[in-house]
C-alpha atoms as a PDB file:
ATOM      1  CA  MET A   1      -0.020  -0.021   0.078  1.00  0.00           C
ATOM      2  CA  VAL A   2       1.183   3.689  -0.899  1.00  0.00           C
ATOM      3  CA  LEU A   3       1.350   6.021   2.132  1.00  0.00           C
ATOM      4  CA  LEU A   4       0.172   9.058   0.290  1.00  0.00           C
ATOM      5  CA  ARG A   5       0.618  11.890   2.678  1.00  0.00           C
ATOM      6  CA  PRO A   6       3.251  10.966   5.217  1.00  0.00           C
ATOM      7  CA  LEU A   7       5.567   9.898   2.418  1.00  0.00           C
ATOM      8  CA  ALA A   8       4.717  13.577   0.653  1.00  0.00           C
ATOM      9  CA  VAL A   9       5.316  15.312   4.122  1.00  0.00           C
ATOM     10  CA  LEU A  10       8.775  13.555   4.084  1.00  0.00           C
ATOM     11  CA  CYS A  11       9.752  14.962   0.752  1.00  0.00           C
ATOM     12  CA  VAL A  12       8.684  18.372   1.463  1.00  0.00           C
ATOM     13  CA  LEU A  13      10.505  18.329   4.795  1.00  0.00           C
ATOM     14  CA  VAL A  14      13.559  17.264   3.100  1.00  0.00           C
ATOM     15  CA  ALA A  15      13.363  19.577   0.369  1.00  0.00           C
ATOM     16  CA  ALA A  16      12.485  22.613   2.683  1.00  0.00           C
ATOM     17  CA  ALA A  17      15.845  21.521   4.885  1.00  0.00           C
ATOM     18  CA  LEU A  18      18.185  21.688   1.423  1.00  0.00           C
ATOM     19  CA  ALA A  19      16.271  24.983   0.394  1.00  0.00           C
ATOM     20  CA  VAL A  20      16.712  26.890   3.864  1.00  0.00           C
ATOM     21  CA  PRO A  21      19.104  27.360   6.308  1.00  0.00           C
ATOM     22  CA  ALA A  22      18.919  24.471   9.219  1.00  0.00           C
ATOM     23  CA  GLN A  23      18.269  27.562  11.726  1.00  0.00           C
ATOM     24  CA  GLU A  24      15.303  28.936   9.596  1.00  0.00           C
ATOM     25  CA  LYS A  25      13.676  25.507   8.564  1.00  0.00           C
ATOM     26  CA  ARG A  26      11.214  25.715  11.340  1.00  0.00           C
ATOM     27  CA  VAL A  27       9.987  29.302  10.747  1.00  0.00           C
ATOM     28  CA  HIS A  28       6.984  29.961   8.680  1.00  0.00           C
ATOM     29  CA  HIS A  29       7.542  33.334   6.734  1.00  0.00           C
ATOM     30  CA  GLN A  30       4.789  34.829   4.434  1.00  0.00           C
ATOM     31  CA  ALA A  31       5.360  34.597   1.011  1.00  0.00           C
ATOM     32  CA  HIS A  32       5.709  37.781  -1.165  1.00  0.00           C
ATOM     33  CA  LEU A  33       3.100  38.599  -3.638  1.00  0.00           C
ATOM     34  CA  SER A  34       5.483  39.343  -6.297  1.00  0.00           C
ATOM     35  CA  ASP A  35       9.295  39.565  -7.181  1.00  0.00           C
ATOM     36  CA  HIS A  36       8.690  43.248  -8.522  1.00  0.00           C
ATOM     37  CA  VAL A  37       9.071  46.175  -6.540  1.00  0.00           C
ATOM     38  CA  HIS A  38       5.828  47.977  -5.472  1.00  0.00           C
ATOM     39  CA  ASP A  39       6.021  51.089  -7.306  1.00  0.00           C
ATOM     40  CA  ASP A  40       3.109  52.169  -9.186  1.00  0.00           C
ATOM     41  CA  ALA A  41       4.900  55.212 -11.044  1.00  0.00           C
ATOM     42  CA  HIS A  42       7.168  52.719 -12.853  1.00  0.00           C
ATOM     43  CA  GLY A  43       4.366  50.401 -13.741  1.00  0.00           C
ATOM     44  CA  PHE A  44       1.759  47.815 -12.266  1.00  0.00           C
ATOM     45  CA  GLU A  45       3.444  44.352 -12.570  1.00  0.00           C
ATOM     46  CA  TYR A  46       3.513  44.132  -8.612  1.00  0.00           C
ATOM     47  CA  ASP A  47      -0.160  44.374  -8.683  1.00  0.00           C
ATOM     48  CA  HIS A  48      -0.610  42.337 -11.699  1.00  0.00           C
ATOM     49  CA  GLU A  49       1.027  39.456  -9.833  1.00  0.00           C
ATOM     50  CA  ALA A  50      -0.740  40.013  -6.345  1.00  0.00           C
ATOM     51  CA  PHE A  51      -4.026  40.221  -8.281  1.00  0.00           C
ATOM     52  CA  LEU A  52      -3.612  37.231 -10.430  1.00  0.00           C
ATOM     53  CA  GLY A  53      -0.842  35.179  -9.211  1.00  0.00           C
ATOM     54  CA  LYS A  54       2.432  34.906 -10.941  1.00  0.00           C
ATOM     55  CA  GLU A  55       1.650  32.068 -13.569  1.00  0.00           C
ATOM     56  CA  GLU A  56      -1.653  33.702 -14.509  1.00  0.00           C
ATOM     57  CA  ALA A  57      -0.384  37.294 -14.694  1.00  0.00           C
ATOM     58  CA  LYS A  58       2.199  36.051 -17.362  1.00  0.00           C
ATOM     59  CA  THR A  59      -0.778  34.769 -19.318  1.00  0.00           C
ATOM     60  CA  PHE A  60      -2.528  38.136 -19.394  1.00  0.00           C
ATOM     61  CA  ASP A  61       0.837  39.817 -20.612  1.00  0.00           C
ATOM     62  CA  GLN A  62      -0.184  37.823 -23.917  1.00  0.00           C
ATOM     63  CA  LEU A  63      -3.780  38.924 -24.505  1.00  0.00           C
ATOM     64  CA  THR A  64      -4.776  42.074 -26.067  1.00  0.00           C
ATOM     65  CA  PRO A  65      -6.036  44.596 -24.122  1.00  0.00           C
ATOM     66  CA  GLU A  66      -9.699  44.008 -25.014  1.00  0.00           C
ATOM     67  CA  GLU A  67      -9.304  40.152 -24.079  1.00  0.00           C
ATOM     68  CA  SER A  68      -7.698  41.204 -20.790  1.00  0.00           C
ATOM     69  CA  LYS A  69     -10.624  43.358 -20.184  1.00  0.00           C
ATOM     70  CA  GLU A  70     -13.025  40.606 -20.931  1.00  0.00           C
ATOM     71  CA  ARG A  71     -11.375  37.923 -18.800  1.00  0.00           C
ATOM     72  CA  LEU A  72     -11.191  40.693 -16.014  1.00  0.00           C
ATOM     73  CA  ALA A  73     -14.785  41.379 -16.087  1.00  0.00           C
ATOM     74  CA  LYS A  74     -15.535  37.684 -15.354  1.00  0.00           C
ATOM     75  CA  ILE A  75     -13.059  37.423 -12.567  1.00  0.00           C
ATOM     76  CA  VAL A  76     -14.604  40.396 -11.107  1.00  0.00           C
ATOM     77  CA  GLY A  77     -17.881  38.148 -10.817  1.00  0.00           C
ATOM     78  CA  ARG A  78     -16.182  35.363  -9.093  1.00  0.00           C
ATOM     79  CA  ILE A  79     -14.783  37.920  -6.362  1.00  0.00           C
ATOM     80  CA  ASP A  80     -18.356  39.144  -5.932  1.00  0.00           C
ATOM     81  CA  THR A  81     -19.136  36.351  -3.810  1.00  0.00           C
ATOM     82  CA  ASP A  82     -22.443  37.730  -2.322  1.00  0.00           C
ATOM     83  CA  LYS A  83     -23.433  38.882  -5.987  1.00  0.00           C
ATOM     84  CA  ASP A  84     -24.250  42.397  -4.340  1.00  0.00           C
ATOM     85  CA  GLY A  85     -22.330  44.536  -7.276  1.00  0.00           C
ATOM     86  CA  TYR A  86     -19.693  45.732  -5.050  1.00  0.00           C
ATOM     87  CA  ILE A  87     -16.215  44.147  -4.394  1.00  0.00           C
ATOM     88  CA  THR A  88     -15.529  44.740  -0.448  1.00  0.00           C
ATOM     89  CA  HIS A  89     -12.086  44.834   1.072  1.00  0.00           C
ATOM     90  CA  THR A  90     -12.913  41.524   2.664  1.00  0.00           C
ATOM     91  CA  GLU A  91     -13.503  39.609  -0.484  1.00  0.00           C
ATOM     92  CA  LEU A  92     -10.761  41.318  -2.245  1.00  0.00           C
ATOM     93  CA  HIS A  93      -8.671  40.239   0.426  1.00  0.00           C
ATOM     94  CA  TYR A  94      -9.650  36.547   0.437  1.00  0.00           C
ATOM     95  CA  TRP A  95      -9.127  36.634  -3.385  1.00  0.00           C
ATOM     96  CA  ILE A  96      -5.605  37.767  -3.362  1.00  0.00           C
ATOM     97  CA  LYS A  97      -4.948  35.413  -0.556  1.00  0.00           C
ATOM     98  CA  HIS A  98      -6.658  32.650  -2.698  1.00  0.00           C
ATOM     99  CA  ARG A  99      -4.606  33.539  -5.824  1.00  0.00           C
ATOM    100  CA  GLN A 100      -1.254  33.151  -3.605  1.00  0.00           C
ATOM    101  CA  ARG A 101      -2.316  29.998  -2.140  1.00  0.00           C
ATOM    102  CA  ARG A 102      -3.073  28.420  -5.488  1.00  0.00           C
ATOM    103  CA  TYR A 103      -0.190  26.345  -5.957  1.00  0.00           C
ATOM    104  CA  ILE A 104      -0.941  24.556  -2.789  1.00  0.00           C
ATOM    105  CA  GLU A 105      -4.622  24.218  -3.905  1.00  0.00           C
ATOM    106  CA  GLU A 106      -3.390  22.592  -6.989  1.00  0.00           C
ATOM    107  CA  ASN A 107      -1.406  19.976  -5.272  1.00  0.00           C
ATOM    108  CA  VAL A 108      -4.335  19.487  -3.132  1.00  0.00           C
ATOM    109  CA  ASN A 109      -6.513  18.945  -6.392  1.00  0.00           C
ATOM    110  CA  LYS A 110      -4.359  16.902  -8.116  1.00  0.00           C
ATOM    111  CA  HIS A 111      -4.578  14.359  -5.372  1.00  0.00           C
ATOM    112  CA  TRP A 112      -8.115  14.781  -4.069  1.00  0.00           C
ATOM    113  CA  LYS A 113      -9.415  11.664  -6.072  1.00  0.00           C
ATOM    114  CA  ASP A 114      -6.960   9.508  -4.261  1.00  0.00           C
ATOM    115  CA  TYR A 115      -8.586  10.100  -0.980  1.00  0.00           C
ATOM    116  CA  ASP A 116     -12.533  10.858  -2.116  1.00  0.00           C
ATOM    117  CA  LYS A 117     -13.116   7.429  -2.683  1.00  0.00           C
ATOM    118  CA  ASN A 118     -17.126   7.672  -3.150  1.00  0.00           C
ATOM    119  CA  GLN A 119     -16.694  10.847  -5.121  1.00  0.00           C
ATOM    120  CA  ASP A 120     -18.861  13.262  -3.155  1.00  0.00           C
ATOM    121  CA  ASP A 121     -16.471  15.913  -3.344  1.00  0.00           C
ATOM    122  CA  LYS A 122     -15.545  15.701   0.385  1.00  0.00           C
ATOM    123  CA  ILE A 123     -13.089  13.459   2.150  1.00  0.00           C
ATOM    124  CA  ALA A 124     -14.365  11.838   5.279  1.00  0.00           C
ATOM    125  CA  TRP A 125     -11.652  11.049   8.125  1.00  0.00           C
ATOM    126  CA  GLU A 126     -12.388   7.151   7.842  1.00  0.00           C
ATOM    127  CA  GLU A 127     -11.678   7.657   3.859  1.00  0.00           C
ATOM    128  CA  TYR A 128      -8.443   9.599   4.653  1.00  0.00           C
ATOM    129  CA  LYS A 129      -7.528   6.902   7.241  1.00  0.00           C
ATOM    130  CA  ASN A 130      -8.201   3.939   5.310  1.00  0.00           C
ATOM    131  CA  THR A 131      -6.581   5.101   2.520  1.00  0.00           C
ATOM    132  CA  THR A 132      -3.340   6.121   3.968  1.00  0.00           C
ATOM    133  CA  TYR A 133      -3.265   3.501   6.972  1.00  0.00           C
ATOM    134  CA  GLY A 134      -5.673   1.000   5.967  1.00  0.00           C
ATOM    135  CA  TYR A 135      -3.052  -1.900   5.640  1.00  0.00           C
ATOM    136  CA  TYR A 136      -1.293  -1.180   8.977  1.00  0.00           C
ATOM    137  CA  LEU A 137      -4.655  -0.980  10.918  1.00  0.00           C
ATOM    138  CA  GLY A 138      -5.532  -4.508   9.989  1.00  0.00           C
ATOM    139  CA  GLU A 139      -4.354  -7.905  11.505  1.00  0.00           C
ATOM    140  CA  GLU A 140      -0.768  -7.561  10.345  1.00  0.00           C
ATOM    141  CA  PHE A 141      -0.292  -4.053  11.967  1.00  0.00           C
ATOM    142  CA  ASP A 142       1.609  -5.632  14.608  1.00  0.00           C
ATOM    143  CA  ASP A 143       4.138  -6.923  12.496  1.00  0.00           C
ATOM    144  CA  VAL A 144       5.318  -3.897  11.105  1.00  0.00           C
ATOM    145  CA  GLU A 145       8.832  -3.127  12.200  1.00  0.00           C
ATOM    146  CA  ASP A 146       8.037   0.680  12.610  1.00  0.00           C
ATOM    147  CA  LYS A 147       4.650   0.196  13.877  1.00  0.00           C
ATOM    148  CA  ASP A 148       4.823   2.902  16.770  1.00  0.00           C
ATOM    149  CA  THR A 149       5.727   5.492  13.967  1.00  0.00           C
ATOM    150  CA  TYR A 150       2.801   4.869  12.239  1.00  0.00           C
ATOM    151  CA  LYS A 151       0.859   4.489  15.369  1.00  0.00           C
ATOM    152  CA  ALA A 152       2.076   8.144  16.386  1.00  0.00           C
ATOM    153  CA  MET A 153       1.570   9.553  12.771  1.00  0.00           C
ATOM    154  CA  LEU A 154      -2.203   8.267  12.813  1.00  0.00           C
ATOM    155  CA  THR A 155      -2.905   9.950  16.320  1.00  0.00           C
ATOM    156  CA  ARG A 156      -1.511  13.040  14.631  1.00  0.00           C
ATOM    157  CA  ASP A 157      -3.104  13.055  11.740  1.00  0.00           C
ATOM    158  CA  GLN A 158      -6.870  12.462  13.117  1.00  0.00           C
ATOM    159  CA  ARG A 159      -6.157  15.534  15.689  1.00  0.00           C
ATOM    160  CA  ARG A 160      -4.972  17.679  12.866  1.00  0.00           C
ATOM    161  CA  PHE A 161      -7.834  16.469  10.893  1.00  0.00           C
ATOM    162  CA  LYS A 162     -10.316  17.126  13.805  1.00  0.00           C
ATOM    163  CA  ASN A 163      -9.066  20.825  14.024  1.00  0.00           C
ATOM    164  CA  ALA A 164      -9.212  21.542  10.306  1.00  0.00           C
ATOM    165  CA  ASP A 165     -12.703  20.312  10.285  1.00  0.00           C
ATOM    166  CA  ARG A 166     -14.273  23.356  11.378  1.00  0.00           C
ATOM    167  CA  ASP A 167     -17.807  22.175  11.489  1.00  0.00           C
ATOM    168  CA  GLY A 168     -16.934  18.975  13.601  1.00  0.00           C
ATOM    169  CA  ASP A 169     -18.698  16.667  11.064  1.00  0.00           C
ATOM    170  CA  GLY A 170     -15.871  14.617  10.404  1.00  0.00           C
ATOM    171  CA  ILE A 171     -15.755  15.099   6.972  1.00  0.00           C
ATOM    172  CA  ALA A 172     -13.389  17.908   5.020  1.00  0.00           C
ATOM    173  CA  THR A 173     -14.172  20.305   2.228  1.00  0.00           C
ATOM    174  CA  ARG A 174     -11.552  20.983  -0.030  1.00  0.00           C
ATOM    175  CA  GLU A 175     -10.912  24.222   2.250  1.00  0.00           C
ATOM    176  CA  GLU A 176     -10.828  22.223   5.532  1.00  0.00           C
ATOM    177  CA  PHE A 177      -8.672  19.362   3.911  1.00  0.00           C
ATOM    178  CA  THR A 178      -6.325  22.172   2.637  1.00  0.00           C
ATOM    179  CA  ALA A 179      -5.985  23.181   6.077  1.00  0.00           C
ATOM    180  CA  PHE A 180      -5.290  19.784   7.164  1.00  0.00           C
ATOM    181  CA  LEU A 181      -2.518  19.408   4.767  1.00  0.00           C
ATOM    182  CA  HIS A 182      -0.909  23.001   5.158  1.00  0.00           C
ATOM    183  CA  PRO A 183      -2.023  24.044   8.391  1.00  0.00           C
ATOM    184  CA  GLU A 184       0.844  26.854   8.563  1.00  0.00           C
ATOM    185  CA  GLU A 185      -1.448  28.686   5.803  1.00  0.00           C
ATOM    186  CA  PHE A 186      -4.259  28.940   8.071  1.00  0.00           C
ATOM    187  CA  ASP A 187      -4.615  31.139  11.114  1.00  0.00           C
ATOM    188  CA  TYR A 188      -7.333  28.899  12.955  1.00  0.00           C
ATOM    189  CA  MET A 189      -4.788  26.024  12.665  1.00  0.00           C
ATOM    190  CA  LYS A 190      -1.725  28.017  14.348  1.00  0.00           C
ATOM    191  CA  ASP A 191      -2.086  26.010  17.640  1.00  0.00           C
ATOM    192  CA  VAL A 192      -1.703  22.712  15.665  1.00  0.00           C
ATOM    193  CA  VAL A 193       1.364  23.754  14.041  1.00  0.00           C
ATOM    194  CA  VAL A 194       2.878  24.974  17.519  1.00  0.00           C
ATOM    195  CA  GLN A 195       1.967  21.684  19.302  1.00  0.00           C
ATOM    196  CA  GLU A 196       3.286  19.545  16.461  1.00  0.00           C
ATOM    197  CA  THR A 197       6.688  21.474  16.330  1.00  0.00           C
ATOM    198  CA  VAL A 198       6.987  21.256  19.921  1.00  0.00           C
ATOM    199  CA  GLU A 199       6.355  17.518  19.865  1.00  0.00           C
ATOM    200  CA  ASP A 200       9.046  17.166  16.995  1.00  0.00           C
ATOM    201  CA  ILE A 201      11.990  18.931  18.894  1.00  0.00           C
ATOM    202  CA  ASP A 202      10.770  17.823  22.559  1.00  0.00           C
ATOM    203  CA  LYS A 203      12.797  14.830  22.920  1.00  0.00           C
ATOM    204  CA  ASN A 204      12.527  14.303  26.775  1.00  0.00           C
ATOM    205  CA  GLY A 205       8.673  14.666  26.270  1.00  0.00           C
ATOM    206  CA  ASP A 206       8.246  17.359  28.963  1.00  0.00           C
ATOM    207  CA  GLY A 207       6.280  19.360  26.962  1.00  0.00           C
ATOM    208  CA  LYS A 208       9.136  22.213  26.511  1.00  0.00           C
ATOM    209  CA  ILE A 209      12.119  22.687  24.416  1.00  0.00           C
ATOM    210  CA  ASP A 210      15.421  23.183  26.081  1.00  0.00           C
ATOM    211  CA  LEU A 211      18.634  24.353  24.603  1.00  0.00           C
ATOM    212  CA  ASN A 212      19.988  21.244  23.842  1.00  0.00           C
ATOM    213  CA  GLU A 213      16.994  20.157  22.042  1.00  0.00           C
ATOM    214  CA  TYR A 214      16.619  23.382  20.246  1.00  0.00           C
ATOM    215  CA  ILE A 215      20.222  23.154  18.961  1.00  0.00           C
ATOM    216  CA  GLY A 216      20.137  19.452  18.325  1.00  0.00           C
ATOM    217  CA  ASP A 217      17.130  19.877  15.915  1.00  0.00           C
ATOM    218  CA  MET A 218      19.297  21.938  13.834  1.00  0.00           C
ATOM    219  CA  TYR A 219      22.591  20.619  14.181  1.00  0.00           C
ATOM    220  CA  THR A 220      24.393  17.648  14.690  1.00  0.00           C
ATOM    221  CA  ALA A 221      28.129  17.682  15.786  1.00  0.00           C
ATOM    222  CA  GLU A 222      30.563  15.231  14.222  1.00  0.00           C
ATOM    223  CA  PRO A 223      33.439  13.975  16.420  1.00  0.00           C
ATOM    224  CA  GLY A 224      36.037  16.419  16.756  1.00  0.00           C
ATOM    225  CA  GLU A 225      34.111  19.045  14.886  1.00  0.00           C
ATOM    226  CA  ASN A 226      34.498  22.755  16.115  1.00  0.00           C
ATOM    227  CA  GLU A 227      30.855  24.363  16.793  1.00  0.00           C
ATOM    228  CA  PRO A 228      30.182  26.733  13.867  1.00  0.00           C
ATOM    229  CA  GLU A 229      29.713  30.253  14.483  1.00  0.00           C
ATOM    230  CA  TRP A 230      25.941  30.053  13.210  1.00  0.00           C
ATOM    231  CA  VAL A 231      25.463  27.414  16.043  1.00  0.00           C
ATOM    232  CA  GLN A 232      26.866  29.644  18.723  1.00  0.00           C
ATOM    233  CA  THR A 233      24.941  32.638  17.303  1.00  0.00           C
ATOM    234  CA  GLU A 234      21.675  30.330  17.774  1.00  0.00           C
ATOM    235  CA  ARG A 235      22.331  29.710  21.260  1.00  0.00           C
ATOM    236  CA  LYS A 236      22.406  33.387  22.117  1.00  0.00           C
ATOM    237  CA  GLN A 237      19.027  33.813  20.118  1.00  0.00           C
ATOM    238  CA  PHE A 238      17.833  31.124  22.300  1.00  0.00           C
ATOM    239  CA  SER A 239      18.712  32.724  25.496  1.00  0.00           C
ATOM    240  CA  ASP A 240      18.491  36.394  24.582  1.00  0.00           C
ATOM    241  CA  PHE A 241      15.365  36.353  22.238  1.00  0.00           C
ATOM    242  CA  ARG A 242      13.563  32.975  22.060  1.00  0.00           C
ATOM    243  CA  ASP A 243      13.295  32.345  25.645  1.00  0.00           C
ATOM    244  CA  THR A 244      11.274  35.639  26.794  1.00  0.00           C
ATOM    245  CA  ASN A 245      10.473  34.686  30.217  1.00  0.00           C
ATOM    246  CA  LYS A 246      14.094  33.424  30.993  1.00  0.00           C
ATOM    247  CA  ASP A 247      13.157  30.132  32.412  1.00  0.00           C
ATOM    248  CA  GLY A 248      15.294  27.773  30.227  1.00  0.00           C
ATOM    249  CA  TYR A 249      12.948  26.655  28.080  1.00  0.00           C
ATOM    250  CA  LEU A 250      10.594  27.415  25.204  1.00  0.00           C
ATOM    251  CA  ASP A 251       7.055  26.921  25.735  1.00  0.00           C
ATOM    252  CA  ALA A 252       4.204  26.768  23.587  1.00  0.00           C
ATOM    253  CA  SER A 253       3.659  30.644  23.626  1.00  0.00           C
ATOM    254  CA  GLU A 254       7.300  31.402  23.092  1.00  0.00           C
ATOM    255  CA  VAL A 255       7.341  28.626  20.037  1.00  0.00           C
ATOM    256  CA  ALA A 256       4.741  30.470  18.502  1.00  0.00           C
ATOM    257  CA  HIS A 257       6.491  33.868  18.657  1.00  0.00           C
ATOM    258  CA  TRP A 258       9.191  31.831  16.902  1.00  0.00           C
ATOM    259  CA  ILE A 259       7.963  29.991  13.937  1.00  0.00           C
ATOM    260  CA  LEU A 260       5.228  32.029  13.364  1.00  0.00           C
ATOM    261  CA  PRO A 261       6.565  35.558  13.504  1.00  0.00           C
ATOM    262  CA  GLY A 262       4.094  38.560  13.359  1.00  0.00           C
ATOM    263  CA  GLU A 263       4.692  39.952   9.836  1.00  0.00           C
ATOM    264  CA  VAL A 264       2.658  42.530   7.610  1.00  0.00           C
ATOM    265  CA  ASP A 265      -0.448  40.924   5.600  1.00  0.00           C
ATOM    266  CA  HIS A 266       0.773  41.883   2.226  1.00  0.00           C
ATOM    267  CA  ALA A 267      -2.736  40.492   0.805  1.00  0.00           C
ATOM    268  CA  ASP A 268      -4.490  42.834   3.368  1.00  0.00           C
ATOM    269  CA  ASN A 269      -2.513  45.862   2.402  1.00  0.00           C
ATOM    270  CA  GLU A 270      -2.888  45.031  -1.533  1.00  0.00           C
ATOM    271  CA  ALA A 271      -6.442  44.758  -0.949  1.00  0.00           C
ATOM    272  CA  LYS A 272      -6.484  48.166   0.688  1.00  0.00           C
ATOM    273  CA  HIS A 273      -4.323  49.735  -2.196  1.00  0.00           C
ATOM    274  CA  LEU A 274      -6.158  48.418  -5.049  1.00  0.00           C
ATOM    275  CA  ILE A 275      -9.397  49.808  -3.544  1.00  0.00           C
ATOM    276  CA  HIS A 276      -7.891  53.355  -2.467  1.00  0.00           C
ATOM    277  CA  GLU A 277      -6.517  53.602  -6.067  1.00  0.00           C
ATOM    278  CA  THR A 278      -9.953  52.619  -7.923  1.00  0.00           C
ATOM    279  CA  ASP A 279     -12.925  53.689  -5.582  1.00  0.00           C
ATOM    280  CA  THR A 280     -13.775  56.779  -7.378  1.00  0.00           C
ATOM    281  CA  ASP A 281     -16.849  57.895  -5.239  1.00  0.00           C
ATOM    282  CA  LYS A 282     -15.108  56.824  -2.078  1.00  0.00           C
ATOM    283  CA  ASP A 283     -17.569  54.354  -0.723  1.00  0.00           C
ATOM    284  CA  GLU A 284     -14.611  52.122   0.295  1.00  0.00           C
ATOM    285  CA  LYS A 285     -15.829  49.360  -2.035  1.00  0.00           C
ATOM    286  CA  ILE A 286     -15.423  48.920  -5.917  1.00  0.00           C
ATOM    287  CA  THR A 287     -17.801  48.058  -8.459  1.00  0.00           C
ATOM    288  CA  LYS A 288     -16.943  46.362 -11.957  1.00  0.00           C
ATOM    289  CA  LYS A 289     -17.335  49.552 -13.407  1.00  0.00           C
ATOM    290  CA  GLU A 290     -14.676  51.379 -11.239  1.00  0.00           C
ATOM    291  CA  ILE A 291     -12.318  48.070 -11.999  1.00  0.00           C
ATOM    292  CA  LEU A 292     -12.981  48.116 -15.650  1.00  0.00           C
ATOM    293  CA  ALA A 293     -11.812  51.892 -15.638  1.00  0.00           C
ATOM    294  CA  ASN A 294      -8.654  51.359 -14.153  1.00  0.00           C
ATOM    295  CA  TRP A 295      -7.938  47.458 -15.691  1.00  0.00           C
ATOM    296  CA  ASN A 296      -4.484  47.768 -16.133  1.00  0.00           C
ATOM    297  CA  MET A 297      -3.793  48.298 -12.558  1.00  0.00           C
ATOM    298  CA  PHE A 298      -5.279  44.845 -12.240  1.00  0.00           C
ATOM    299  CA  VAL A 299      -4.313  43.013 -15.226  1.00  0.00           C
ATOM    300  CA  GLY A 300      -1.579  43.279 -17.734  1.00  0.00           C
ATOM    301  CA  SER A 301      -1.885  42.877 -21.647  1.00  0.00           C
ATOM    302  CA  GLN A 302       0.262  42.736 -24.781  1.00  0.00           C
ATOM    303  CA  ALA A 303       0.444  46.561 -24.663  1.00  0.00           C
ATOM    304  CA  THR A 304       1.263  46.869 -21.134  1.00  0.00           C
ATOM    305  CA  ASN A 305       4.041  44.082 -21.764  1.00  0.00           C
ATOM    306  CA  TYR A 306       5.332  45.921 -24.418  1.00  0.00           C
ATOM    307  CA  GLY A 307       5.987  49.108 -22.110  1.00  0.00           C
ATOM    308  CA  GLU A 308       3.228  51.379 -23.323  1.00  0.00           C
ATOM    309  CA  ASP A 309       2.032  53.661 -20.314  1.00  0.00           C
ATOM    310  CA  LEU A 310      -1.680  52.850 -20.498  1.00  0.00           C
ATOM    311  CA  THR A 311      -2.491  54.779 -16.985  1.00  0.00           C
ATOM    312  CA  LYS A 312      -3.448  57.896 -18.621  1.00  0.00           C
ATOM    313  CA  ARG A 313      -4.977  56.429 -21.765  1.00  0.00           C
ATOM    314  CA  HIS A 314      -7.176  53.664 -20.259  1.00  0.00           C
ATOM    315  CA  ASP A 315     -10.373  55.630 -21.903  1.00  0.00           C
ATOM    316  CA  GLU A 316      -9.113  55.213 -25.359  1.00  0.00           C
ATOM    317  CA  LEU A 317      -8.748  51.316 -25.267  1.00  0.00           C
END
């Protein structure tokens, strides 16, 4: 039997360990909305990637202005979830967050059918459990060499599933299942992320992280090897900054401040920016008409891609 998610998680953790310094692997930073500088005076590339996502923004750059505006009009209808004819800050903020999570959602959708066995477009805990652990829950479970590992993974998955399942019906919608697989992306799953991190690093099981456990999670000395300077720096980070109450341990609250640093919500700022720039009647919400009047701020086209400044000429197109 293929262990679908646990093996995938191991691959992600290995990739993450290779991609970032050891001392950063536990920290969940918000991704930038765009690689471009946010400077509307020199172009709207940042806004395009924030509003559409990087890949979709490239697609729009190949369209004519007319095609871009036509597609934008359809997008506006999707953003207006309550269909009242207005785009509020809440709706635009959600849309931008959704676009930035698209790579995660695509990954979830790719594997959705593996778990949704009855094809009801939901995944019950029993479906997930049987697909992932079914073989090991049978009579042969005790013969598995690393049975304790799988039992611990099952317990952890069940707890995480219950937390992701906001209405407590034992069945996950796509949104809830995404929160289950990627809890670091959802505010209501932050406590689970912290709890799992403590469990990973806390080797003596006292529910806290001491200095040796903290360093041991990121560095293992080879015989005769001098401790690198960055490890010495991390020791100082632990005592001077991480351990805020100076008791020699990191509790859940201190771990949360470490791995989930309070950062600017870029999607929130971008939603406010787009509304401020296009809300001509200053009612703090925008209509399709207002958006299309400033369409080139939201999406690109062949014209903007070739460097034409359409900011002052949008009414001509």
